[in-house]
N, C-alpha and C. Protein backbone atom coordinates (compact mmCIF):
# COMPACT_ATOMS: atom_id res chain seq x y z
N UNK A 1 0.92 -1.05 -0.03
CA UNK A 1 0.14 0.08 -0.10
C UNK A 1 1.23 1.47 0.43
N UNK A 2 0.52 2.48 -0.75
CA UNK A 2 1.10 3.41 -0.22
C UNK A 2 1.12 4.22 0.59
N UNK A 3 2.54 4.85 1.09
CA UNK A 3 3.07 4.86 2.23
C UNK A 3 1.98 6.47 2.22
N UNK A 4 2.05 7.15 1.60
CA UNK A 4 1.39 8.52 1.40
C UNK A 4 0.18 8.43 1.91
N UNK A 5 -0.84 7.19 1.08
CA UNK A 5 -2.17 7.29 2.17
C UNK A 5 -2.26 6.93 3.53
N UNK A 6 -1.70 6.17 4.09
CA UNK A 6 -0.90 5.80 5.37
C UNK A 6 -0.64 7.19 5.57
N UNK A 7 0.56 7.88 5.40
CA UNK A 7 0.25 9.20 6.12
C UNK A 7 -1.22 10.28 5.68
N UNK A 8 -1.52 9.91 5.14
CA UNK A 8 -3.31 10.49 5.18
C UNK A 8 -3.85 10.53 5.40
N UNK A 9 -3.99 9.25 6.57
CA UNK A 9 -4.97 9.11 7.17
C UNK A 9 -4.75 9.23 8.49
N UNK A 10 -3.61 8.86 9.25
CA UNK A 10 -3.21 9.53 9.98
C UNK A 10 -3.20 11.31 10.04
N UNK A 11 -2.69 12.08 9.19
CA UNK A 11 -2.78 13.49 8.96
C UNK A 11 -4.03 14.25 9.37
N UNK A 12 -4.76 13.51 8.39
CA UNK A 12 -6.89 13.95 8.70
C UNK A 12 -6.58 13.67 10.57
N UNK A 13 -6.28 12.00 10.70
CA UNK A 13 -7.05 12.09 11.92
C UNK A 13 -5.81 13.27 13.19
N UNK A 14 -4.84 13.73 12.77
CA UNK A 14 -4.32 14.65 14.03
C UNK A 14 -4.11 15.70 13.64
N UNK A 15 -4.88 16.06 12.44
CA UNK A 15 -5.01 17.57 12.33
C UNK A 15 -6.32 18.10 12.40
N UNK A 16 -7.59 17.01 12.32
CA UNK A 16 -8.75 17.40 12.87
C UNK A 16 -9.02 17.76 14.24
N UNK A 17 -9.94 19.14 14.12
CA UNK A 17 -10.36 20.08 15.12
C UNK A 17 -11.84 19.13 15.68
N UNK A 18 -12.25 18.60 15.19
CA UNK A 18 -13.06 17.93 15.54
C UNK A 18 -13.18 16.30 16.67
N UNK A 19 -13.44 16.99 17.96
CA UNK A 19 -12.77 15.30 18.91
C UNK A 19 -13.86 14.63 18.79
N UNK A 20 -15.50 15.22 18.34
CA UNK A 20 -16.45 13.87 17.96
C UNK A 20 -15.69 12.89 17.04
N UNK A 21 -15.34 13.98 15.51
CA UNK A 21 -14.76 12.63 14.55
C UNK A 21 -13.60 12.25 15.35
N UNK A 22 -12.83 11.90 15.94
CA UNK A 22 -11.80 11.45 16.25
C UNK A 22 -12.08 10.69 17.21
N UNK A 23 -13.07 10.80 18.36
CA UNK A 23 -14.25 9.89 18.90
C UNK A 23 -14.30 8.66 17.93
N UNK A 24 -14.82 8.91 17.12
CA UNK A 24 -16.41 7.95 16.23
C UNK A 24 -14.84 7.12 15.86
N UNK A 25 -13.72 7.45 15.44
CA UNK A 25 -12.43 6.55 14.98
C UNK A 25 -12.44 5.60 16.16
N UNK A 26 -11.97 6.19 17.36
CA UNK A 26 -11.72 5.26 18.19
C UNK A 26 -12.55 3.76 18.39
N UNK A 27 -14.04 4.31 18.12
CA UNK A 27 -15.18 3.66 18.89
C UNK A 27 -15.28 2.53 17.99
N UNK A 28 -15.14 2.90 16.25
CA UNK A 28 -14.66 2.14 15.64
C UNK A 28 -13.65 1.34 15.63
N UNK A 29 -12.56 1.79 15.98
CA UNK A 29 -11.72 0.47 16.55
C UNK A 29 -11.40 -0.15 17.52
N UNK A 30 -12.31 0.22 18.58
CA UNK A 30 -12.58 -0.31 19.81
C UNK A 30 -14.01 -1.85 19.39
N UNK A 31 -14.70 -1.28 18.93
CA UNK A 31 -15.47 -2.09 18.41
C UNK A 31 -14.75 -3.23 17.23
N UNK A 32 -14.17 -3.22 16.22
CA UNK A 32 -13.47 -4.35 15.74
C UNK A 32 -12.01 -5.16 16.94
N UNK A 33 -11.51 -4.64 17.34
CA UNK A 33 -10.79 -5.04 18.88
C UNK A 33 -12.32 -5.51 19.99
N UNK A 34 -12.15 -7.08 19.40
CA UNK A 34 -13.18 -7.44 20.47
C UNK A 34 -12.69 -8.28 21.71
N UNK A 35 -11.24 -8.68 20.98
CA UNK A 35 -11.10 -9.23 22.67
C UNK A 35 -9.65 -7.74 23.63
N UNK A 36 -10.32 -7.39 23.06
CA UNK A 36 -9.88 -5.55 23.89
C UNK A 36 -8.03 -5.73 24.45
N UNK A 37 -7.70 -6.25 23.31
CA UNK A 37 -5.88 -6.78 23.74
C UNK A 37 -5.11 -4.81 22.82
N UNK A 38 -6.11 -3.71 22.53
CA UNK A 38 -5.58 -2.82 21.67
C UNK A 38 -4.74 -2.70 20.71
N UNK A 39 -5.63 -4.14 19.56
CA UNK A 39 -5.12 -4.29 17.90
C UNK A 39 -6.44 -5.15 18.06
N UNK A 40 -6.13 -5.04 16.28
CA UNK A 40 -6.76 -5.81 15.61
C UNK A 40 -6.27 -6.83 14.79
N UNK A 41 -6.25 -7.83 15.89
CA UNK A 41 -5.56 -9.08 14.54
C UNK A 41 -6.24 -9.58 13.65
N UNK A 42 -5.87 -10.82 12.89
CA UNK A 42 -6.33 -10.62 11.18
C UNK A 42 -7.93 -11.91 11.30
N UNK A 43 -7.79 -12.15 12.13
CA UNK A 43 -9.36 -12.68 13.09
C UNK A 43 -10.78 -12.04 13.20
N UNK A 44 -10.36 -10.46 14.12
CA UNK A 44 -11.04 -9.74 14.33
C UNK A 44 -11.22 -8.33 12.45
N UNK A 45 -10.10 -8.67 12.32
CA UNK A 45 -10.96 -7.76 10.99
C UNK A 45 -11.60 -8.61 9.80
N UNK A 46 -11.43 -9.95 9.48
CA UNK A 46 -11.94 -10.41 8.57
C UNK A 46 -13.71 -10.56 9.66
N UNK A 47 -13.86 -10.95 10.63
CA UNK A 47 -14.77 -10.96 11.43
C UNK A 47 -15.37 -9.27 11.08
N UNK A 48 -15.21 -8.56 10.94
CA UNK A 48 -15.53 -7.40 10.64
C UNK A 48 -16.28 -7.36 9.34
N UNK A 49 -14.78 -7.30 8.44
CA UNK A 49 -15.36 -7.49 6.79
C UNK A 49 -16.23 -8.07 6.49
N UNK A 50 -16.66 -9.76 6.58
CA UNK A 50 -17.62 -10.47 6.75
C UNK A 50 -19.02 -9.90 7.08
N UNK A 51 -18.75 -9.50 8.41
CA UNK A 51 -20.10 -9.47 9.23
C UNK A 51 -20.73 -7.68 8.92
N UNK A 52 -20.15 -7.42 7.68
CA UNK A 52 -20.34 -5.86 8.00
C UNK A 52 -21.27 -5.26 6.68
N UNK A 53 -20.36 -6.05 5.32
CA UNK A 53 -20.72 -6.27 4.14
C UNK A 53 -19.58 -5.10 3.40
N UNK A 54 -18.39 -4.97 3.96
CA UNK A 54 -17.35 -4.30 3.40
C UNK A 54 -16.76 -5.58 2.70
N UNK A 55 -17.36 -6.60 1.83
CA UNK A 55 -16.32 -7.53 1.27
C UNK A 55 -15.53 -7.12 0.27
N UNK A 56 -15.76 -5.62 0.01
CA UNK A 56 -15.48 -5.12 -1.57
C UNK A 56 -13.62 -5.07 -0.93
N UNK A 57 -13.88 -5.00 -0.14
CA UNK A 57 -12.54 -4.31 0.43
C UNK A 57 -11.24 -5.48 0.09
N UNK A 58 -11.47 -7.04 0.63
CA UNK A 58 -10.78 -7.83 0.61
C UNK A 58 -10.09 -8.53 -0.59
N UNK A 59 -8.67 -8.04 -0.72
CA UNK A 59 -7.95 -8.99 -1.23
C UNK A 59 -6.99 -9.98 -0.62
N UNK A 60 -6.82 -10.65 -1.20
CA UNK A 60 -5.77 -11.84 -0.48
C UNK A 60 -4.96 -11.28 0.48
N UNK A 61 -4.05 -9.82 0.32
CA UNK A 61 -3.25 -9.35 0.75
C UNK A 61 -3.46 -8.15 1.66
N UNK A 62 -4.67 -7.69 1.97
CA UNK A 62 -4.79 -6.45 2.38
C UNK A 62 -4.79 -6.01 4.03
N UNK A 63 -5.03 -6.63 4.17
CA UNK A 63 -4.59 -6.84 5.76
C UNK A 63 -3.10 -6.43 6.03
N UNK A 64 -2.39 -7.45 5.55
CA UNK A 64 -1.06 -7.31 5.24
C UNK A 64 -0.37 -6.13 4.96
N UNK A 65 -0.85 -5.05 3.74
CA UNK A 65 -0.70 -4.02 3.71
C UNK A 65 -0.64 -3.34 4.63
N UNK A 66 -1.75 -3.04 5.28
CA UNK A 66 -2.48 -2.59 6.43
C UNK A 66 -1.12 -2.18 7.56
N UNK A 67 -0.67 -3.62 7.62
CA UNK A 67 0.35 -3.82 8.76
C UNK A 67 1.18 -3.44 8.33
N UNK A 68 1.30 -2.24 8.52
CA UNK A 68 3.03 -1.94 8.13
C UNK A 68 4.60 -2.04 8.87
N UNK A 69 4.27 -2.78 10.16
CA UNK A 69 5.56 -3.29 11.16
C UNK A 69 5.31 -4.23 11.04
N UNK A 70 4.09 -4.82 10.29
CA UNK A 70 4.82 -6.83 10.43
C UNK A 70 4.77 -7.54 11.44
N UNK A 71 3.71 -7.77 12.20
CA UNK A 71 3.77 -8.06 13.61
C UNK A 71 2.50 -8.83 13.51
N UNK A 72 1.73 -8.64 12.48
CA UNK A 72 0.69 -10.17 12.85
C UNK A 72 -0.59 -9.18 12.60
N UNK A 73 -0.92 -8.09 13.63
CA UNK A 73 -2.34 -7.20 13.88
C UNK A 73 -2.04 -5.78 14.02
N UNK A 74 -3.18 -5.04 13.75
CA UNK A 74 -3.31 -3.67 13.84
C UNK A 74 -2.96 -2.89 15.30
N UNK A 75 -2.35 -1.96 14.89
CA UNK A 75 -2.71 -0.97 16.23
C UNK A 75 -3.46 -0.20 15.66
N UNK A 76 -3.57 0.99 16.48
CA UNK A 76 -5.03 2.19 15.88
C UNK A 76 -4.17 2.98 15.06
N UNK A 77 -2.70 3.25 15.34
CA UNK A 77 -2.19 4.12 13.79
C UNK A 77 -2.81 3.34 12.16
N UNK A 78 -2.84 2.13 12.61
CA UNK A 78 -2.65 1.27 10.90
C UNK A 78 -4.25 1.02 10.60
N UNK A 79 -5.04 1.03 11.79
CA UNK A 79 -6.10 0.63 11.61
C UNK A 79 -6.50 2.40 11.19
N UNK A 80 -6.01 3.23 11.06
CA UNK A 80 -6.47 4.70 10.84
C UNK A 80 -6.54 4.65 9.41
N UNK A 81 -5.46 3.46 8.91
CA UNK A 81 -5.99 3.93 7.33
C UNK A 81 -6.57 2.98 6.51
N UNK A 82 -6.59 1.67 6.96
CA UNK A 82 -7.86 1.24 7.19
C UNK A 82 -9.82 2.02 6.61
N UNK A 83 -9.69 2.72 8.13
CA UNK A 83 -10.44 3.63 8.54
C UNK A 83 -10.87 4.46 7.21
N UNK A 84 -9.66 5.26 7.14
CA UNK A 84 -9.59 6.09 5.58
C UNK A 84 -9.73 5.57 4.54
N UNK A 85 -9.15 4.33 3.99
CA UNK A 85 -9.44 4.33 2.91
C UNK A 85 -11.55 3.29 2.19
N UNK A 86 -11.63 2.72 3.79
CA UNK A 86 -13.16 2.90 3.65
C UNK A 86 -14.18 3.88 3.47
N UNK A 87 -13.65 5.06 4.09
CA UNK A 87 -14.79 6.49 4.10
C UNK A 87 -14.13 6.77 2.36
N UNK A 88 -13.06 6.39 1.92
CA UNK A 88 -12.67 7.78 0.72
C UNK A 88 -12.61 7.35 -0.76
N UNK A 89 -12.52 5.63 -0.47
CA UNK A 89 -11.70 4.97 -1.94
C UNK A 89 -12.40 3.31 -1.88
N UNK A 90 -13.86 4.11 -2.46
CA UNK A 90 -14.98 2.93 -2.49
C UNK A 90 -15.18 3.51 -3.91
N UNK A 91 -14.10 3.61 -4.87
CA UNK A 91 -13.91 3.58 -6.41
C UNK A 91 -13.05 2.38 -6.74
N UNK A 92 -13.90 1.93 -8.33
CA UNK A 92 -13.16 1.27 -8.98
C UNK A 92 -12.95 1.48 -10.76
N UNK A 93 -12.27 0.28 -10.60
CA UNK A 93 -11.74 0.68 -12.34
C UNK A 93 -12.61 -0.14 -13.00
N UNK A 94 -13.09 0.97 -14.08
CA UNK A 94 -14.71 0.16 -14.69
C UNK A 94 -14.31 -0.67 -15.62
N UNK A 95 -12.95 -1.53 -15.77
CA UNK A 95 -12.94 -2.41 -16.87
C UNK A 95 -12.13 -3.73 -15.95
N UNK A 96 -11.04 -3.34 -15.19
CA UNK A 96 -10.80 -4.85 -14.06
C UNK A 96 -11.39 -4.84 -13.04
N UNK A 97 -11.83 -3.79 -12.57
CA UNK A 97 -12.63 -4.21 -11.56
C UNK A 97 -12.00 -4.26 -9.81
N UNK A 98 -10.48 -3.34 -10.25
CA UNK A 98 -9.17 -3.31 -9.03
C UNK A 98 -9.42 -1.93 -8.04
N UNK A 99 -9.94 -2.39 -7.23
CA UNK A 99 -10.04 -0.82 -5.58
C UNK A 99 -8.75 0.03 -6.46
N UNK A 100 -9.60 0.70 -6.72
CA UNK A 100 -7.99 2.43 -6.93
C UNK A 100 -7.67 2.73 -5.70
N UNK A 101 -6.68 3.07 -5.26
CA UNK A 101 -6.58 3.24 -4.03
C UNK A 101 -5.21 4.95 -4.39
N UNK A 102 -5.06 4.56 -5.43
CA UNK A 102 -4.04 5.47 -5.96
C UNK A 102 -4.22 6.26 -6.94
N UNK A 103 -3.74 6.69 -7.60
CA UNK A 103 -3.65 7.79 -8.76
C UNK A 103 -4.46 6.71 -9.68
N UNK A 104 -5.69 7.24 -10.26
CA UNK A 104 -6.67 6.42 -11.41
C UNK A 104 -6.81 7.80 -12.57
N UNK A 105 -7.74 7.32 -13.15
CA UNK A 105 -7.78 8.42 -14.61
C UNK A 105 -9.50 8.15 -14.61
N UNK A 106 -10.41 9.25 -14.92
CA UNK A 106 -11.73 9.88 -14.89
C UNK A 106 -12.29 10.66 -16.17
N UNK A 107 -12.90 10.02 -16.73
CA UNK A 107 -13.20 11.28 -17.58
C UNK A 107 -13.87 11.91 -16.86
N UNK A 108 -13.64 13.56 -17.90
CA UNK A 108 -13.80 14.83 -17.05
C UNK A 108 -15.21 15.02 -17.56
N UNK A 109 -15.81 14.60 -18.26
CA UNK A 109 -17.73 14.58 -18.98
C UNK A 109 -18.37 14.30 -18.08
N UNK A 110 -17.77 12.73 -17.40
CA UNK A 110 -19.12 12.68 -16.24
C UNK A 110 -18.67 13.53 -15.31
N UNK A 111 -17.33 13.33 -14.68
CA UNK A 111 -16.86 14.02 -13.89
C UNK A 111 -18.23 15.47 -13.88
N UNK A 112 -17.64 16.27 -14.74
CA UNK A 112 -18.35 17.71 -14.69
C UNK A 112 -19.50 17.55 -14.55
N UNK A 113 -20.58 16.30 -15.56
CA UNK A 113 -21.87 16.03 -15.77
C UNK A 113 -23.02 16.04 -14.50
N UNK A 114 -22.05 15.73 -13.37
CA UNK A 114 -22.93 15.15 -12.35
C UNK A 114 -23.42 13.58 -12.62
N UNK A 115 -23.08 12.89 -13.31
CA UNK A 115 -23.80 11.99 -13.07
C UNK A 115 -22.61 10.94 -13.03
N UNK A 116 -22.68 9.80 -12.38
CA UNK A 116 -21.58 8.62 -12.21
C UNK A 116 -20.37 9.08 -12.48
N UNK A 117 -19.64 8.71 -12.05
CA UNK A 117 -18.04 9.21 -12.83
C UNK A 117 -17.64 7.70 -13.14
N UNK A 118 -16.61 7.39 -14.05
CA UNK A 118 -16.74 6.39 -15.26
C UNK A 118 -14.68 6.62 -15.35
N UNK A 119 -14.39 5.49 -13.96
CA UNK A 119 -13.11 5.57 -13.69
C UNK A 119 -12.30 4.06 -13.86
N UNK A 120 -10.72 4.59 -14.40
CA UNK A 120 -10.21 3.08 -14.33
C UNK A 120 -8.36 3.30 -13.66
N UNK A 121 -8.24 2.76 -14.01
CA UNK A 121 -6.91 2.46 -13.36
C UNK A 121 -5.68 2.76 -13.79
N UNK A 122 -4.30 3.22 -13.92
CA UNK A 122 -3.36 3.37 -15.05
C UNK A 122 -2.83 2.70 -15.77
N UNK A 123 -3.08 1.57 -15.03
CA UNK A 123 -2.86 0.28 -15.92
C UNK A 123 -3.91 -0.11 -17.23
N UNK A 124 -5.30 0.28 -16.67
CA UNK A 124 -6.42 -0.40 -18.03
C UNK A 124 -5.86 1.15 -19.22
N UNK A 125 -5.92 2.38 -18.59
CA UNK A 125 -5.89 3.57 -19.25
C UNK A 125 -4.73 3.42 -20.25
N UNK A 126 -3.33 2.98 -19.78
CA UNK A 126 -1.95 2.90 -20.90
C UNK A 126 -2.51 1.98 -21.70
N UNK A 127 -3.37 0.31 -21.48
CA UNK A 127 -3.49 -0.60 -22.05
C UNK A 127 -4.38 -0.53 -23.18
N UNK A 128 -5.25 1.09 -23.01
CA UNK A 128 -6.49 1.35 -23.47
C UNK A 128 -7.79 0.02 -23.55
N UNK A 129 -7.51 -0.73 -22.23
CA UNK A 129 -8.44 -1.45 -22.11
C UNK A 129 -9.93 -1.60 -21.69
N UNK A 130 -10.19 -0.08 -22.14
CA UNK A 130 -11.87 0.03 -21.76
C UNK A 130 -12.52 0.85 -22.41
N UNK A 131 -13.52 0.61 -22.82
CA UNK A 131 -14.51 0.96 -23.68
C UNK A 131 -15.53 2.76 -22.86
N UNK A 132 -15.19 3.60 -23.43
CA UNK A 132 -16.17 4.49 -22.81
C UNK A 132 -17.06 5.76 -24.42
N UNK A 133 -17.96 5.73 -23.47
CA UNK A 133 -19.15 6.64 -25.26
C UNK A 133 -18.37 8.27 -25.18
N UNK A 134 -17.54 8.47 -23.91
CA UNK A 134 -17.22 10.26 -24.14
C UNK A 134 -15.42 9.79 -24.98
N UNK A 135 -15.14 9.09 -25.33
CA UNK A 135 -13.96 9.13 -25.85
C UNK A 135 -12.32 8.75 -24.90
N UNK A 136 -11.15 8.06 -25.35
CA UNK A 136 -10.49 8.70 -24.05
C UNK A 136 -9.48 9.78 -24.13
N UNK A 137 -10.10 10.83 -24.96
CA UNK A 137 -9.42 11.97 -24.98
C UNK A 137 -10.47 12.74 -24.15
N UNK A 138 -11.25 12.28 -23.16
CA UNK A 138 -11.74 13.07 -22.46
C UNK A 138 -11.64 12.48 -20.74
N UNK A 139 -10.35 11.82 -20.13
CA UNK A 139 -9.02 11.71 -19.37
C UNK A 139 -8.44 12.07 -18.76
N UNK A 140 -8.60 12.48 -17.42
CA UNK A 140 -7.53 12.49 -16.67
C UNK A 140 -7.11 11.82 -15.79
N UNK A 141 -6.34 12.34 -14.70
CA UNK A 141 -6.30 11.67 -14.34
C UNK A 141 -5.72 12.59 -12.52
N UNK A 142 -5.78 11.65 -11.73
CA UNK A 142 -7.09 11.98 -10.22
C UNK A 142 -6.17 13.41 -9.84
N UNK A 143 -4.84 13.43 -9.71
CA UNK A 143 -4.04 14.62 -9.43
C UNK A 143 -4.45 15.84 -10.34
N UNK A 144 -4.03 15.29 -11.71
CA UNK A 144 -4.83 16.82 -12.50
C UNK A 144 -6.19 16.96 -12.99
N UNK A 145 -7.01 16.10 -12.45
CA UNK A 145 -8.18 16.57 -12.42
C UNK A 145 -8.68 17.57 -11.32
N UNK A 146 -8.02 17.21 -10.34
CA UNK A 146 -7.87 17.98 -9.05
C UNK A 146 -7.16 19.88 -9.29
N UNK A 147 -6.16 19.40 -9.80
CA UNK A 147 -5.41 20.73 -10.40
C UNK A 147 -6.64 21.66 -11.39
N UNK A 148 -7.39 20.96 -12.18
CA UNK A 148 -8.05 21.59 -13.36
C UNK A 148 -9.35 22.35 -12.59
N UNK A 149 -9.71 22.19 -11.58
CA UNK A 149 -10.84 22.48 -10.76
C UNK A 149 -10.69 23.41 -10.54
N UNK A 150 -9.33 24.01 -10.14
CA UNK A 150 -8.97 25.58 -9.27
C UNK A 150 -9.05 26.30 -10.65
N UNK A 151 -8.94 25.93 -11.06
CA UNK A 151 -9.24 27.28 -13.29
C UNK A 151 -8.41 27.39 -13.82
N UNK A 152 -7.30 25.86 -13.89
CA UNK A 152 -6.69 25.76 -15.01
C UNK A 152 -7.28 26.07 -16.32
N UNK A 153 -6.91 25.65 -17.28
CA UNK A 153 -7.71 25.65 -18.32
C UNK A 153 -8.51 24.13 -18.34
N UNK A 154 -9.63 24.31 -19.16
CA UNK A 154 -10.91 23.32 -19.25
C UNK A 154 -10.14 22.42 -20.00
N UNK A 155 -10.31 21.14 -20.00
CA UNK A 155 -10.82 20.17 -20.89
C UNK A 155 -11.07 20.52 -22.48
N UNK A 156 -10.40 20.55 -23.22
CA UNK A 156 -11.30 20.91 -24.85
C UNK A 156 -11.38 19.60 -25.70
N UNK A 157 -9.79 19.62 -26.10
CA UNK A 157 -9.61 18.76 -27.46
C UNK A 157 -9.33 17.11 -27.34
N UNK A 158 -8.39 16.84 -26.17
CA UNK A 158 -7.21 15.85 -25.75
C UNK A 158 -6.77 15.28 -25.62
N UNK A 159 -6.60 14.45 -24.96
CA UNK A 159 -5.63 13.74 -23.98
C UNK A 159 -5.03 15.11 -23.23
N UNK A 160 -4.89 15.54 -21.86
CA UNK A 160 -4.25 16.03 -20.75
C UNK A 160 -4.46 17.54 -22.10
N UNK A 161 -5.51 17.94 -22.80
CA UNK A 161 -5.17 19.19 -23.45
C UNK A 161 -5.53 20.43 -22.68
N UNK A 162 -4.68 21.31 -22.94
CA UNK A 162 -4.20 22.52 -22.55
C UNK A 162 -5.01 22.36 -20.42
N UNK A 163 -3.72 21.57 -20.11
CA UNK A 163 -4.20 22.00 -18.98
C UNK A 163 -3.50 23.17 -17.78
N UNK A 164 -2.77 23.64 -18.91
CA UNK A 164 -2.13 25.13 -18.67
C UNK A 164 -2.50 25.53 -19.82
N UNK A 165 -2.65 26.83 -19.40
CA UNK A 165 -3.04 27.58 -20.56
C UNK A 165 -1.44 28.32 -20.99
N UNK A 166 -1.63 28.61 -22.04
CA UNK A 166 -0.21 29.11 -22.63
C UNK A 166 1.03 29.71 -21.92
N UNK A 167 0.20 30.60 -21.15
CA UNK A 167 0.90 31.73 -19.98
C UNK A 167 1.07 31.72 -19.08
N UNK A 168 0.23 29.88 -18.02
CA UNK A 168 0.38 29.35 -17.70
C UNK A 168 1.99 28.99 -17.85
N UNK A 169 1.66 27.67 -19.15
CA UNK A 169 2.82 27.05 -19.43
C UNK A 169 3.87 28.14 -18.99
N UNK A 170 4.37 29.23 -20.00
CA UNK A 170 5.63 29.95 -19.99
C UNK A 170 5.94 30.88 -18.81
N UNK A 171 5.06 31.16 -17.38
CA UNK A 171 5.71 30.90 -16.29
C UNK A 171 5.87 30.09 -15.57
N UNK A 172 5.35 28.83 -15.30
CA UNK A 172 5.82 28.09 -14.96
C UNK A 172 7.35 27.16 -15.99
N UNK A 173 7.69 27.43 -16.89
CA UNK A 173 8.81 27.10 -17.93
C UNK A 173 9.91 28.21 -17.34
N UNK A 174 9.24 29.07 -17.02
CA UNK A 174 10.02 30.76 -16.83
C UNK A 174 10.52 29.84 -15.04
N UNK A 175 9.31 29.63 -14.04
CA UNK A 175 10.12 29.33 -13.09
C UNK A 175 10.82 28.37 -12.84
N UNK A 176 10.68 26.76 -13.68
CA UNK A 176 12.12 26.11 -13.65
C UNK A 176 13.46 27.08 -14.34
N UNK A 177 12.89 27.88 -14.80
CA UNK A 177 14.36 27.85 -15.59
C UNK A 177 14.86 28.33 -14.51
N UNK A 178 14.32 29.47 -13.81
CA UNK A 178 15.00 30.59 -12.82
C UNK A 178 15.84 29.81 -11.61
N UNK A 179 14.89 28.48 -11.11
CA UNK A 179 15.29 27.53 -10.42
C UNK A 179 16.69 27.63 -10.43
N UNK A 180 16.99 27.01 -12.35
CA UNK A 180 18.03 26.16 -12.05
C UNK A 180 18.83 26.75 -13.15
N UNK A 181 18.64 27.84 -13.26
CA UNK A 181 19.58 29.62 -13.86
C UNK A 181 19.80 29.56 -15.64
N UNK A 182 19.06 28.55 -16.06
CA UNK A 182 18.47 28.10 -17.17
C UNK A 182 18.38 29.22 -17.85
N UNK A 183 18.98 30.43 -18.41
CA UNK A 183 18.27 31.75 -18.65
C UNK A 183 17.99 31.60 -19.73
N UNK A 184 18.19 30.78 -21.18
CA UNK A 184 17.88 30.70 -22.43
C UNK A 184 16.54 30.13 -22.31
N UNK A 185 16.08 29.45 -21.66
CA UNK A 185 14.18 29.46 -22.18
C UNK A 185 13.64 30.40 -21.69
N UNK A 186 14.07 31.48 -21.28
CA UNK A 186 13.14 32.14 -20.07
C UNK A 186 12.24 32.68 -21.72
N UNK A 187 12.34 33.15 -22.68
CA UNK A 187 11.58 33.79 -23.70
C UNK A 187 10.43 33.28 -23.98
N UNK A 188 10.31 32.15 -23.61
CA UNK A 188 8.32 31.88 -24.14
C UNK A 188 8.85 30.56 -24.60
N UNK A 189 10.20 30.28 -25.11
CA UNK A 189 9.95 29.24 -26.41
C UNK A 189 10.03 27.80 -25.10
N UNK A 190 9.14 27.15 -24.99
CA UNK A 190 9.70 25.79 -24.19
C UNK A 190 9.91 24.59 -25.39
N UNK A 191 10.84 23.87 -24.30
CA UNK A 191 10.48 22.67 -25.01
C UNK A 191 10.10 21.49 -24.35
N UNK A 192 9.52 20.53 -25.28
CA UNK A 192 9.06 19.21 -25.49
C UNK A 192 8.95 18.54 -24.16
N UNK A 193 9.52 18.30 -22.70
CA UNK A 193 9.29 17.95 -21.95
C UNK A 193 8.86 19.00 -20.87
N UNK A 194 8.85 20.55 -21.36
CA UNK A 194 8.21 21.45 -20.96
C UNK A 194 7.48 21.69 -20.89
N UNK A 195 6.18 21.50 -22.13
CA UNK A 195 5.17 21.11 -22.48
C UNK A 195 4.30 20.03 -22.08
N UNK A 196 4.98 18.91 -21.67
CA UNK A 196 4.37 17.95 -21.94
C UNK A 196 3.11 17.20 -21.89
N UNK A 197 2.17 17.75 -21.10
CA UNK A 197 0.75 18.06 -20.79
C UNK A 197 0.00 19.06 -22.10
N UNK A 198 0.41 20.07 -22.91
CA UNK A 198 -0.50 19.76 -24.08
C UNK A 198 -0.22 19.78 -25.14
N UNK A 199 -1.76 20.01 -25.74
CA UNK A 199 -1.10 19.30 -27.15
C UNK A 199 -2.80 20.73 -27.87
N UNK A 200 -2.50 21.06 -29.42
CA UNK A 200 -3.59 21.73 -29.88
C UNK A 200 -4.51 20.63 -30.29
């Protein structure tokens, strides 16, 4: 499991100013820790999964991925990762049906249209192993989609199209060159790698 997911789970908990939400997470942990030893064993975890209907979570090594220190049980910090995944990661690849825990691709038309989203994992998107009526050029990865909602130019024609306006691209290239002391690229002539996401 991506360590960033663990970090995010603990960060949300630590930075919450709502004591009720923290209490809910603790009570959830205690409800699964049926022997009250302060840890959730594999047996307790599987009992909860089958009893609660969260079977979508289980793959053969999910518990092992949560168990960061590999001691065979989940302490509260490790359990927070599970809680976070339950609350935020009920997203599935439309093709291979894998749970999308990390970066994935979303149809922007569906996302903006208020319809159900159409999401695919990076492997299926890269291999073109999906079929969707809005076309492959209407997809952005989850990071770029988030950034685009901040006001960066909206998707119009093709893959990653116009993620940045020309002015934003020039400013980004200028900033990069400024950091690296490459004065010869400052005047708006961008290299191919500097415009990796823009196509006409």
